[in-house]
Protein backbone atom coordinates (compact mmCIF):
# COMPACT_ATOMS: atom_id res chain seq x y z
CA UNK A 1 2.88 -18.77 14.98
CA UNK A 2 4.07 -16.07 12.61
CA UNK A 3 5.05 -15.47 8.95
CA UNK A 4 7.81 -13.36 7.39
CA UNK A 5 6.57 -10.02 5.88
CA UNK A 6 8.86 -8.31 3.43
CA UNK A 7 7.88 -5.06 1.72
CA UNK A 8 10.20 -3.72 -1.05
CA UNK A 9 9.96 -0.45 -2.98
CA UNK A 10 12.32 0.69 -5.90
CA UNK A 11 14.14 2.76 -3.24
CA UNK A 12 14.65 0.22 -0.42
CA UNK A 13 13.42 -2.72 1.63
CA UNK A 14 10.81 -0.89 3.73
CA UNK A 15 9.77 -3.82 6.10
CA UNK A 16 11.14 -7.22 7.02
CA UNK A 17 9.93 -8.86 10.16
CA UNK A 18 7.84 -11.68 11.53
CA UNK A 19 4.17 -10.90 11.87
CA UNK A 20 1.02 -12.62 13.12
CA UNK A 21 -1.15 -11.47 10.14
CA UNK A 22 -1.33 -9.02 7.23
CA UNK A 23 -4.36 -7.53 5.40
CA UNK A 24 -3.63 -6.27 1.93
CA UNK A 25 -5.70 -4.24 -0.47
CA UNK A 26 -5.82 -6.57 -3.48
CA UNK A 27 -7.51 -6.69 -6.76
CA UNK A 28 -10.36 -8.82 -5.40
CA UNK A 29 -10.79 -6.66 -2.15
CA UNK A 30 -9.05 -6.99 1.20
CA UNK A 31 -7.18 -10.17 1.62
CA UNK A 32 -6.20 -11.36 5.14
CA UNK A 33 -3.09 -13.56 5.41
CA UNK A 34 -2.27 -15.77 8.30
CA UNK A 35 0.62 -18.21 8.77
CA UNK A 36 0.40 -21.28 6.59
CA UNK A 37 -1.75 -19.47 4.04
CA UNK A 38 -2.04 -21.26 0.68
CA UNK A 39 0.44 -19.99 -1.91
CA UNK A 40 -0.75 -17.29 -4.27
CA UNK A 41 0.17 -14.31 -6.35
CA UNK A 42 -2.04 -11.30 -6.66
CA UNK A 43 -2.05 -7.62 -7.65
CA UNK A 44 -1.68 -4.96 -4.85
CA UNK A 45 -3.83 -1.88 -5.26
CA UNK A 46 -3.27 1.50 -3.63
CA UNK A 47 -4.71 1.53 -0.14
CA UNK A 48 -4.27 0.53 3.43
CA UNK A 49 -2.09 -2.37 4.47
CA UNK A 50 -2.61 -3.56 8.05
CA UNK A 51 0.01 -5.53 9.94
CA UNK A 52 -0.58 -7.29 13.27
CA UNK A 53 2.57 -7.94 15.25
CA UNK A 54 2.60 -9.02 18.93
CA UNK A 55 -1.04 -8.14 19.15
CA UNK A 56 -0.59 -4.54 17.92
CA UNK A 57 -1.95 -3.34 14.61
CA UNK A 58 -0.01 -0.89 12.51
CA UNK A 59 -0.91 0.72 9.05
CA UNK A 60 0.92 1.57 5.93
CA UNK A 61 -0.25 3.35 2.86
CA UNK A 62 0.82 1.29 -0.20
CA UNK A 63 0.69 1.88 -3.89
CA UNK A 64 0.35 -0.47 -6.85
CA UNK A 65 2.41 -3.62 -6.94
CA UNK A 66 2.33 -7.45 -6.45
CA UNK A 67 2.10 -9.87 -3.60
CA UNK A 68 3.46 -13.33 -3.40
CA UNK A 69 2.34 -15.59 -0.50
CA UNK A 70 3.87 -18.79 0.53
CA UNK A 71 3.04 -20.70 3.74
CA UNK A 72 5.78 -18.89 5.62
CA UNK A 73 6.30 -15.62 3.77
CA UNK A 74 4.44 -12.65 2.19
CA UNK A 75 6.57 -10.66 -0.24
CA UNK A 76 5.21 -7.29 -1.46
CA UNK A 77 6.70 -5.34 -4.26
CA UNK A 78 5.18 -1.87 -4.49
CA UNK A 79 5.90 1.58 -5.89
CA UNK A 80 5.09 3.17 -2.49
CA UNK A 81 4.95 2.15 1.15
CA UNK A 82 4.55 4.82 3.87
CA UNK A 83 3.98 4.23 7.64
CA UNK A 84 0.97 6.06 9.05
CA UNK A 85 3.30 8.03 11.32
CA UNK A 86 5.39 9.15 8.35
CA UNK A 87 2.60 10.54 6.25
CA UNK A 88 2.43 14.29 5.83
CA UNK A 89 -1.37 15.03 5.45
CA UNK A 90 -0.78 18.51 4.05
CA UNK A 91 1.63 17.33 1.43
CA UNK A 92 -0.79 14.49 0.47
CA UNK A 93 -3.63 16.91 0.19
CA UNK A 94 -1.56 19.28 -2.02
CA UNK A 95 -0.51 16.26 -4.20
CA UNK A 96 -4.11 15.37 -4.68
CA UNK A 97 -5.07 18.93 -5.74
CA UNK A 98 -2.06 19.04 -8.19
CA UNK A 99 -2.99 15.65 -9.68
CA UNK A 100 -6.62 16.51 -10.12
CA UNK A 101 -5.74 19.78 -11.82
CA UNK A 102 -3.26 18.00 -14.15
CA UNK A 103 -5.86 15.39 -15.14
CA UNK A 104 -8.09 18.21 -16.39
CA UNK A 105 -5.41 19.41 -18.79
CA UNK A 106 -5.75 18.52 -22.42
CA UNK A 107 -2.00 18.24 -23.12
CA UNK A 108 -1.48 14.90 -21.26
CA UNK A 109 -0.93 11.91 -23.41
CA UNK A 110 -2.11 8.44 -22.42
CA UNK A 111 1.09 7.70 -20.51
CA UNK A 112 1.15 11.00 -18.69
CA UNK A 113 -2.46 10.64 -17.75
CA UNK A 114 -1.72 7.14 -16.26
CA UNK A 115 1.26 8.50 -14.35
CA UNK A 116 -0.76 11.40 -12.86
CA UNK A 117 -3.62 8.99 -12.03
CA UNK A 118 -1.23 6.59 -10.19
CA UNK A 119 0.16 9.58 -8.27
CA UNK A 120 -3.38 10.59 -7.27
CA UNK A 121 -4.30 7.08 -6.09
CA UNK A 122 -1.10 6.90 -3.94
CA UNK A 123 -1.87 10.32 -2.39
CA UNK A 124 -5.49 9.24 -1.66
CA UNK A 125 -4.20 6.00 -0.02
CA UNK A 126 -2.02 8.08 2.16
CA UNK A 127 -4.89 10.34 3.26
CA UNK A 128 -7.13 7.28 3.90
CA UNK A 129 -4.57 5.85 6.23
CA UNK A 130 -3.71 9.02 8.00
CA UNK A 131 -7.42 10.05 8.51
CA UNK A 132 -8.60 6.61 9.64
CA UNK A 133 -10.40 6.78 13.01
CA UNK A 134 -9.79 4.02 15.62
CA UNK A 135 -12.64 1.55 15.90
């Protein structure tokens, strides 16, 4: 038994396939979703999204967004989704350094600070996924 997982960013549809399960980083913690899950909508937080397909688990770093679950489908709208294999660890580390330095600046207004903070959280999510050690 499977369910359809679709992940969409502002740039493109990143993922669309049938999966056995998905674990999302939600506002209330990790949320595991299996076929015939009760319908719900929740906030997606930056972190690690795990997909199990044909018994194999893969990981993506995701940013903020929203998740809609029906019995047959999980739709994720997010500002970032990067597969573990596509994460550039050096670039993510540099982005963290830049964001941390920018957050110490006094010239950022509230909106600018929030944008830098969001970029920082997305970079940290990428590093978490890339540096994860197998069980």
